[in-house]
Amino acid sequence: MSDKERNLRVAESIYARFAWNDQTFQEGDCVALLDGQIIAVAKTPQEAIAALRAREPNPKRGMVIEVTHPTIDVVR
């Protein structure tokens, strides 16, 4: 499983349940993920990105997500 796949698995769980491995999140939290692990939870995307880049300078690795309730787009 690749880094991206591990991160996506964690991100999907956070979006669905606002939780991962007994850690809960609030709407608006920004979560930095690397190798399927949560490495930072911040209030702004910039803070989460800074924490991620401090740990992994390669911009092709890791991801930052914003915890939100799912929205439904309808295109007609």
PDB file of N, CA and C in Angstrom:
ATOM      1  N   MET A   1       0.859  -1.175   0.000  1.00  0.00           N
ATOM      2  CA  MET A   1       0.000   0.000   0.000  1.00  0.00           C
ATOM      3  C   MET A   1       0.907   1.242   0.000  1.00  0.00           C
ATOM      4  N   SER A   2       0.591   2.188  -0.851  1.00  0.00           N
ATOM      5  CA  SER A   2       1.412   3.397  -0.963  1.00  0.00           C
ATOM      6  C   SER A   2       1.075   4.399   0.148  1.00  0.00           C
ATOM      7  N   ASP A   3       1.957   5.386   0.284  1.00  0.00           N
ATOM      8  CA  ASP A   3       1.747   6.472   1.253  1.00  0.00           C
ATOM      9  C   ASP A   3       0.406   7.157   0.982  1.00  0.00           C
ATOM     10  N   LYS A   4       0.132   7.436  -0.278  1.00  0.00           N
ATOM     11  CA  LYS A   4      -1.114   8.112  -0.640  1.00  0.00           C
ATOM     12  C   LYS A   4      -2.331   7.272  -0.260  1.00  0.00           C
ATOM     13  N   GLU A   5      -2.275   5.979  -0.511  1.00  0.00           N
ATOM     14  CA  GLU A   5      -3.395   5.099  -0.156  1.00  0.00           C
ATOM     15  C   GLU A   5      -3.611   5.038   1.355  1.00  0.00           C
ATOM     16  N   ARG A   6      -2.533   4.970   2.110  1.00  0.00           N
ATOM     17  CA  ARG A   6      -2.660   4.956   3.584  1.00  0.00           C
ATOM     18  C   ARG A   6      -3.275   6.261   4.078  1.00  0.00           C
ATOM     19  N   ASN A   7      -2.806   7.385   3.535  1.00  0.00           N
ATOM     20  CA  ASN A   7      -3.347   8.683   3.938  1.00  0.00           C
ATOM     21  C   ASN A   7      -4.821   8.803   3.572  1.00  0.00           C
ATOM     22  N   LEU A   8      -5.188   8.333   2.384  1.00  0.00           N
ATOM     23  CA  LEU A   8      -6.592   8.399   1.957  1.00  0.00           C
ATOM     24  C   LEU A   8      -7.489   7.550   2.848  1.00  0.00           C
ATOM     25  N   ARG A   9      -6.996   6.404   3.279  1.00  0.00           N
ATOM     26  CA  ARG A   9      -7.783   5.536   4.173  1.00  0.00           C
ATOM     27  C   ARG A   9      -8.068   6.251   5.489  1.00  0.00           C
ATOM     28  N   VAL A  10      -7.066   6.900   6.042  1.00  0.00           N
ATOM     29  CA  VAL A  10      -7.245   7.653   7.292  1.00  0.00           C
ATOM     30  C   VAL A  10      -8.186   8.833   7.051  1.00  0.00           C
ATOM     31  N   ALA A  11      -7.978   9.566   5.959  1.00  0.00           N
ATOM     32  CA  ALA A  11      -8.811  10.728   5.644  1.00  0.00           C
ATOM     33  C   ALA A  11     -10.278  10.330   5.493  1.00  0.00           C
ATOM     34  N   GLU A  12     -10.548   9.224   4.816  1.00  0.00           N
ATOM     35  CA  GLU A  12     -11.935   8.775   4.639  1.00  0.00           C
ATOM     36  C   GLU A  12     -12.587   8.457   5.976  1.00  0.00           C
ATOM     37  N   SER A  13     -11.849   7.847   6.882  1.00  0.00           N
ATOM     38  CA  SER A  13     -12.389   7.550   8.209  1.00  0.00           C
ATOM     39  C   SER A  13     -12.676   8.833   8.979  1.00  0.00           C
ATOM     40  N   ILE A  14     -11.771   9.792   8.896  1.00  0.00           N
ATOM     41  CA  ILE A  14     -11.975  11.059   9.598  1.00  0.00           C
ATOM     42  C   ILE A  14     -13.207  11.766   9.045  1.00  0.00           C
ATOM     43  N   TYR A  15     -13.360  11.790   7.722  1.00  0.00           N
ATOM     44  CA  TYR A  15     -14.534  12.431   7.119  1.00  0.00           C
ATOM     45  C   TYR A  15     -15.829  11.729   7.516  1.00  0.00           C
ATOM     46  N   ALA A  16     -15.803  10.404   7.567  1.00  0.00           N
ATOM     47  CA  ALA A  16     -17.025   9.641   7.846  1.00  0.00           C
ATOM     48  C   ALA A  16     -17.440   9.695   9.309  1.00  0.00           C
ATOM     49  N   ARG A  17     -16.446   9.615  10.228  1.00  0.00           N
ATOM     50  CA  ARG A  17     -16.770   9.481  11.648  1.00  0.00           C
ATOM     51  C   ARG A  17     -16.221  10.589  12.536  1.00  0.00           C
ATOM     52  N   PHE A  18     -15.472  11.524  11.951  1.00  0.00           N
ATOM     53  CA  PHE A  18     -14.801  12.568  12.732  1.00  0.00           C
ATOM     54  C   PHE A  18     -13.911  11.937  13.800  1.00  0.00           C
ATOM     55  N   ALA A  19     -13.342  10.763  13.469  1.00  0.00           N
ATOM     56  CA  ALA A  19     -12.492  10.053  14.421  1.00  0.00           C
ATOM     57  C   ALA A  19     -11.551   9.116  13.680  1.00  0.00           C
ATOM     58  N   TRP A  20     -10.424   8.808  14.345  1.00  0.00           N
ATOM     59  CA  TRP A  20      -9.477   7.809  13.862  1.00  0.00           C
ATOM     60  C   TRP A  20      -8.692   7.311  15.062  1.00  0.00           C
ATOM     61  N   ASN A  21      -8.700   5.989  15.263  1.00  0.00           N
ATOM     62  CA  ASN A  21      -7.940   5.374  16.369  1.00  0.00           C
ATOM     63  C   ASN A  21      -8.184   6.067  17.711  1.00  0.00           C
ATOM     64  N   ASP A  22      -9.423   6.219  18.069  1.00  0.00           N
ATOM     65  CA  ASP A  22      -9.828   6.816  19.349  1.00  0.00           C
ATOM     66  C   ASP A  22      -9.494   8.302  19.482  1.00  0.00           C
ATOM     67  N   GLN A  23      -9.059   8.942  18.412  1.00  0.00           N
ATOM     68  CA  GLN A  23      -8.839  10.388  18.417  1.00  0.00           C
ATOM     69  C   GLN A  23     -10.008  11.027  17.682  1.00  0.00           C
ATOM     70  N   THR A  24     -10.643  12.019  18.300  1.00  0.00           N
ATOM     71  CA  THR A  24     -11.780  12.676  17.674  1.00  0.00           C
ATOM     72  C   THR A  24     -11.386  14.068  17.196  1.00  0.00           C
ATOM     73  N   PHE A  25     -12.152  14.564  16.230  1.00  0.00           N
ATOM     74  CA  PHE A  25     -11.860  15.842  15.598  1.00  0.00           C
ATOM     75  C   PHE A  25     -13.112  16.692  15.562  1.00  0.00           C
ATOM     76  N   GLN A  26     -12.919  17.990  15.492  1.00  0.00           N
ATOM     77  CA  GLN A  26     -14.025  18.924  15.389  1.00  0.00           C
ATOM     78  C   GLN A  26     -14.065  19.482  13.973  1.00  0.00           C
ATOM     79  N   GLU A  27     -15.249  19.901  13.554  1.00  0.00           N
ATOM     80  CA  GLU A  27     -15.365  20.510  12.237  1.00  0.00           C
ATOM     81  C   GLU A  27     -14.442  21.728  12.174  1.00  0.00           C
ATOM     82  N   GLY A  28     -13.694  21.833  11.096  1.00  0.00           N
ATOM     83  CA  GLY A  28     -12.761  22.938  10.910  1.00  0.00           C
ATOM     84  C   GLY A  28     -11.320  22.602  11.260  1.00  0.00           C
ATOM     85  N   ASP A  29     -11.092  21.482  11.967  1.00  0.00           N
ATOM     86  CA  ASP A  29      -9.719  21.070  12.249  1.00  0.00           C
ATOM     87  C   ASP A  29      -9.004  20.752  10.943  1.00  0.00           C
ATOM     88  N   CYS A  30      -7.725  21.060  10.880  1.00  0.00           N
ATOM     89  CA  CYS A  30      -6.883  20.707   9.739  1.00  0.00           C
ATOM     90  C   CYS A  30      -5.916  19.634  10.215  1.00  0.00           C
ATOM     91  N   VAL A  31      -5.922  18.503   9.532  1.00  0.00           N
ATOM     92  CA  VAL A  31      -5.160  17.338   9.962  1.00  0.00           C
ATOM     93  C   VAL A  31      -4.066  17.052   8.940  1.00  0.00           C
ATOM     94  N   ALA A  32      -2.815  16.964   9.398  1.00  0.00           N
ATOM     95  CA  ALA A  32      -1.682  16.613   8.552  1.00  0.00           C
ATOM     96  C   ALA A  32      -1.437  15.116   8.667  1.00  0.00           C
ATOM     97  N   LEU A  33      -1.351  14.454   7.519  1.00  0.00           N
ATOM     98  CA  LEU A  33      -1.165  13.008   7.468  1.00  0.00           C
ATOM     99  C   LEU A  33       0.130  12.681   6.727  1.00  0.00           C
ATOM    100  N   LEU A  34       0.858  11.685   7.241  1.00  0.00           N
ATOM    101  CA  LEU A  34       2.081  11.217   6.603  1.00  0.00           C
ATOM    102  C   LEU A  34       2.210   9.732   6.884  1.00  0.00           C
ATOM    103  N   ASP A  35       2.366   8.940   5.845  1.00  0.00           N
ATOM    104  CA  ASP A  35       2.502   7.483   5.974  1.00  0.00           C
ATOM    105  C   ASP A  35       1.347   6.855   6.749  1.00  0.00           C
ATOM    106  N   GLY A  36       0.132   7.394   6.576  1.00  0.00           N
ATOM    107  CA  GLY A  36      -1.027   6.849   7.254  1.00  0.00           C
ATOM    108  C   GLY A  36      -1.097   7.195   8.728  1.00  0.00           C
ATOM    109  N   GLN A  37      -0.296   8.162   9.164  1.00  0.00           N
ATOM    110  CA  GLN A  37      -0.272   8.584  10.559  1.00  0.00           C
ATOM    111  C   GLN A  37      -0.677  10.058  10.653  1.00  0.00           C
ATOM    112  N   ILE A  38      -1.368  10.393  11.725  1.00  0.00           N
ATOM    113  CA  ILE A  38      -1.695  11.794  11.991  1.00  0.00           C
ATOM    114  C   ILE A  38      -0.476  12.405  12.663  1.00  0.00           C
ATOM    115  N   ILE A  39       0.091  13.442  12.035  1.00  0.00           N
ATOM    116  CA  ILE A  39       1.279  14.054  12.631  1.00  0.00           C
ATOM    117  C   ILE A  39       0.997  15.425  13.224  1.00  0.00           C
ATOM    118  N   ALA A  40      -0.162  16.021  12.864  1.00  0.00           N
ATOM    119  CA  ALA A  40      -0.511  17.316  13.455  1.00  0.00           C
ATOM    120  C   ALA A  40      -1.992  17.590  13.268  1.00  0.00           C
ATOM    121  N   VAL A  41      -2.577  18.286  14.226  1.00  0.00           N
ATOM    122  CA  VAL A  41      -3.933  18.809  14.127  1.00  0.00           C
ATOM    123  C   VAL A  41      -3.826  20.292  14.434  1.00  0.00           C
ATOM    124  N   ALA A  42      -4.298  21.119  13.501  1.00  0.00           N
ATOM    125  CA  ALA A  42      -4.146  22.565  13.644  1.00  0.00           C
ATOM    126  C   ALA A  42      -5.464  23.259  13.336  1.00  0.00           C
ATOM    127  N   LYS A  43      -5.510  24.535  13.643  1.00  0.00           N
ATOM    128  CA  LYS A  43      -6.717  25.330  13.370  1.00  0.00           C
ATOM    129  C   LYS A  43      -6.728  25.919  11.966  1.00  0.00           C
ATOM    130  N   THR A  44      -5.555  26.029  11.321  1.00  0.00           N
ATOM    131  CA  THR A  44      -5.501  26.575   9.965  1.00  0.00           C
ATOM    132  C   THR A  44      -4.725  25.621   9.057  1.00  0.00           C
ATOM    133  N   PRO A  45      -5.033  25.639   7.765  1.00  0.00           N
ATOM    134  CA  PRO A  45      -4.266  24.803   6.831  1.00  0.00           C
ATOM    135  C   PRO A  45      -2.780  25.157   6.830  1.00  0.00           C
ATOM    136  N   GLN A  46      -2.461  26.445   6.970  1.00  0.00           N
ATOM    137  CA  GLN A  46      -1.062  26.865   6.957  1.00  0.00           C
ATOM    138  C   GLN A  46      -0.274  26.240   8.112  1.00  0.00           C
ATOM    139  N   GLU A  47      -0.886  26.182   9.291  1.00  0.00           N
ATOM    140  CA  GLU A  47      -0.214  25.568  10.447  1.00  0.00           C
ATOM    141  C   GLU A  47      -0.005  24.075  10.217  1.00  0.00           C
ATOM    142  N   ALA A  48      -1.007  23.410   9.653  1.00  0.00           N
ATOM    143  CA  ALA A  48      -0.900  21.974   9.396  1.00  0.00           C
ATOM    144  C   ALA A  48       0.161  21.697   8.330  1.00  0.00           C
ATOM    145  N   ILE A  49       0.206  22.507   7.287  1.00  0.00           N
ATOM    146  CA  ILE A  49       1.213  22.339   6.236  1.00  0.00           C
ATOM    147  C   ILE A  49       2.613  22.572   6.802  1.00  0.00           C
ATOM    148  N   ALA A  50       2.759  23.590   7.633  1.00  0.00           N
ATOM    149  CA  ALA A  50       4.065  23.864   8.245  1.00  0.00           C
ATOM    150  C   ALA A  50       4.531  22.681   9.087  1.00  0.00           C
ATOM    151  N   ALA A  51       3.631  22.080   9.842  1.00  0.00           N
ATOM    152  CA  ALA A  51       3.984  20.915  10.659  1.00  0.00           C
ATOM    153  C   ALA A  51       4.368  19.730   9.777  1.00  0.00           C
ATOM    154  N   LEU A  52       3.631  19.536   8.695  1.00  0.00           N
ATOM    155  CA  LEU A  52       3.929  18.447   7.767  1.00  0.00           C
ATOM    156  C   LEU A  52       5.294  18.658   7.119  1.00  0.00           C
ATOM    157  N   ARG A  53       5.571  19.868   6.642  1.00  0.00           N
ATOM    158  CA  ARG A  53       6.837  20.149   5.956  1.00  0.00           C
ATOM    159  C   ARG A  53       8.024  20.135   6.920  1.00  0.00           C
ATOM    160  N   ALA A  54       7.780  20.406   8.187  1.00  0.00           N
ATOM    161  CA  ALA A  54       8.861  20.297   9.177  1.00  0.00           C
ATOM    162  C   ALA A  54       9.276  18.839   9.337  1.00  0.00           C
ATOM    163  N   ARG A  55       8.340  17.950   9.167  1.00  0.00           N
ATOM    164  CA  ARG A  55       8.599  16.510   9.314  1.00  0.00           C
ATOM    165  C   ARG A  55       9.042  15.875   8.010  1.00  0.00           C
ATOM    166  N   GLU A  56       8.460  16.346   6.887  1.00  0.00           N
ATOM    167  CA  GLU A  56       8.756  15.784   5.565  1.00  0.00           C
ATOM    168  C   GLU A  56       8.808  16.909   4.549  1.00  0.00           C
ATOM    169  N   PRO A  57      10.001  17.343   4.151  1.00  0.00           N
ATOM    170  CA  PRO A  57      10.111  18.478   3.236  1.00  0.00           C
ATOM    171  C   PRO A  57       9.674  18.190   1.798  1.00  0.00           C
ATOM    172  N   ASN A  58       9.568  16.926   1.421  1.00  0.00           N
ATOM    173  CA  ASN A  58       9.165  16.572   0.055  1.00  0.00           C
ATOM    174  C   ASN A  58       7.688  16.908  -0.144  1.00  0.00           C
ATOM    175  N   PRO A  59       7.369  17.866  -1.032  1.00  0.00           N
ATOM    176  CA  PRO A  59       5.971  18.272  -1.214  1.00  0.00           C
ATOM    177  C   PRO A  59       5.090  17.199  -1.864  1.00  0.00           C
ATOM    178  N   LYS A  60       5.701  16.120  -2.358  1.00  0.00           N
ATOM    179  CA  LYS A  60       4.920  15.039  -2.965  1.00  0.00           C
ATOM    180  C   LYS A  60       4.486  13.999  -1.941  1.00  0.00           C
ATOM    181  N   ARG A  61       4.897  14.167  -0.699  1.00  0.00           N
ATOM    182  CA  ARG A  61       4.533  13.217   0.342  1.00  0.00           C
ATOM    183  C   ARG A  61       3.644  13.880   1.376  1.00  0.00           C
ATOM    184  N   GLY A  62       2.694  13.125   1.895  1.00  0.00           N
ATOM    185  CA  GLY A  62       1.793  13.613   2.929  1.00  0.00           C
ATOM    186  C   GLY A  62       0.617  14.373   2.352  1.00  0.00           C
ATOM    187  N   MET A  63      -0.322  14.692   3.229  1.00  0.00           N
ATOM    188  CA  MET A  63      -1.484  15.487   2.830  1.00  0.00           C
ATOM    189  C   MET A  63      -2.062  16.191   4.041  1.00  0.00           C
ATOM    190  N   VAL A  64      -2.804  17.248   3.760  1.00  0.00           N
ATOM    191  CA  VAL A  64      -3.519  17.980   4.799  1.00  0.00           C
ATOM    192  C   VAL A  64      -4.986  17.994   4.408  1.00  0.00           C
ATOM    193  N   ILE A  65      -5.852  17.650   5.350  1.00  0.00           N
ATOM    194  CA  ILE A  65      -7.295  17.682   5.097  1.00  0.00           C
ATOM    195  C   ILE A  65      -7.956  18.608   6.107  1.00  0.00           C
ATOM    196  N   GLU A  66      -9.076  19.173   5.702  1.00  0.00           N
ATOM    197  CA  GLU A  66      -9.899  19.958   6.622  1.00  0.00           C
ATOM    198  C   GLU A  66     -11.113  19.118   6.969  1.00  0.00           C
ATOM    199  N   VAL A  67     -11.365  18.959   8.244  1.00  0.00           N
ATOM    200  CA  VAL A  67     -12.467  18.132   8.712  1.00  0.00           C
ATOM    201  C   VAL A  67     -13.769  18.911   8.508  1.00  0.00           C
ATOM    202  N   THR A  68     -14.643  18.348   7.692  1.00  0.00           N
ATOM    203  CA  THR A  68     -15.936  18.975   7.411  1.00  0.00           C
ATOM    204  C   THR A  68     -16.994  17.896   7.270  1.00  0.00           C
ATOM    205  N   HIS A  69     -18.229  18.303   7.416  1.00  0.00           N
ATOM    206  CA  HIS A  69     -19.329  17.388   7.121  1.00  0.00           C
ATOM    207  C   HIS A  69     -19.433  17.248   5.607  1.00  0.00           C
ATOM    208  N   PRO A  70     -19.814  16.078   5.137  1.00  0.00           N
ATOM    209  CA  PRO A  70     -19.944  15.884   3.699  1.00  0.00           C
ATOM    210  C   PRO A  70     -21.002  16.823   3.111  1.00  0.00           C
ATOM    211  N   THR A  71     -20.729  17.288   1.922  1.00  0.00           N
ATOM    212  CA  THR A  71     -21.714  18.100   1.195  1.00  0.00           C
ATOM    213  C   THR A  71     -22.106  17.353  -0.065  1.00  0.00           C
ATOM    214  N   ILE A  72     -23.316  17.569  -0.481  1.00  0.00           N
ATOM    215  CA  ILE A  72     -23.816  16.904  -1.681  1.00  0.00           C
ATOM    216  C   ILE A  72     -23.988  17.955  -2.767  1.00  0.00           C
ATOM    217  N   ASP A  73     -23.340  17.708  -3.883  1.00  0.00           N
ATOM    218  CA  ASP A  73     -23.496  18.583  -5.041  1.00  0.00           C
ATOM    219  C   ASP A  73     -24.451  17.907  -6.014  1.00  0.00           C
ATOM    220  N   VAL A  74     -25.400  18.657  -6.489  1.00  0.00           N
ATOM    221  CA  VAL A  74     -26.342  18.136  -7.466  1.00  0.00           C
ATOM    222  C   VAL A  74     -26.163  18.961  -8.731  1.00  0.00           C
ATOM    223  N   VAL A  75     -25.891  18.271  -9.802  1.00  0.00           N
ATOM    224  CA  VAL A  75     -25.751  18.921 -11.101  1.00  0.00           C
ATOM    225  C   VAL A  75     -26.914  18.484 -11.952  1.00  0.00           C
ATOM    226  N   ARG A  76     -27.622  19.465 -12.497  1.00  0.00           N
ATOM    227  CA  ARG A  76     -28.770  19.134 -13.359  1.00  0.00           C
ATOM    228  C   ARG A  76     -28.541  19.698 -14.722  1.00  0.00           C
TER     229      ARG A  76
END
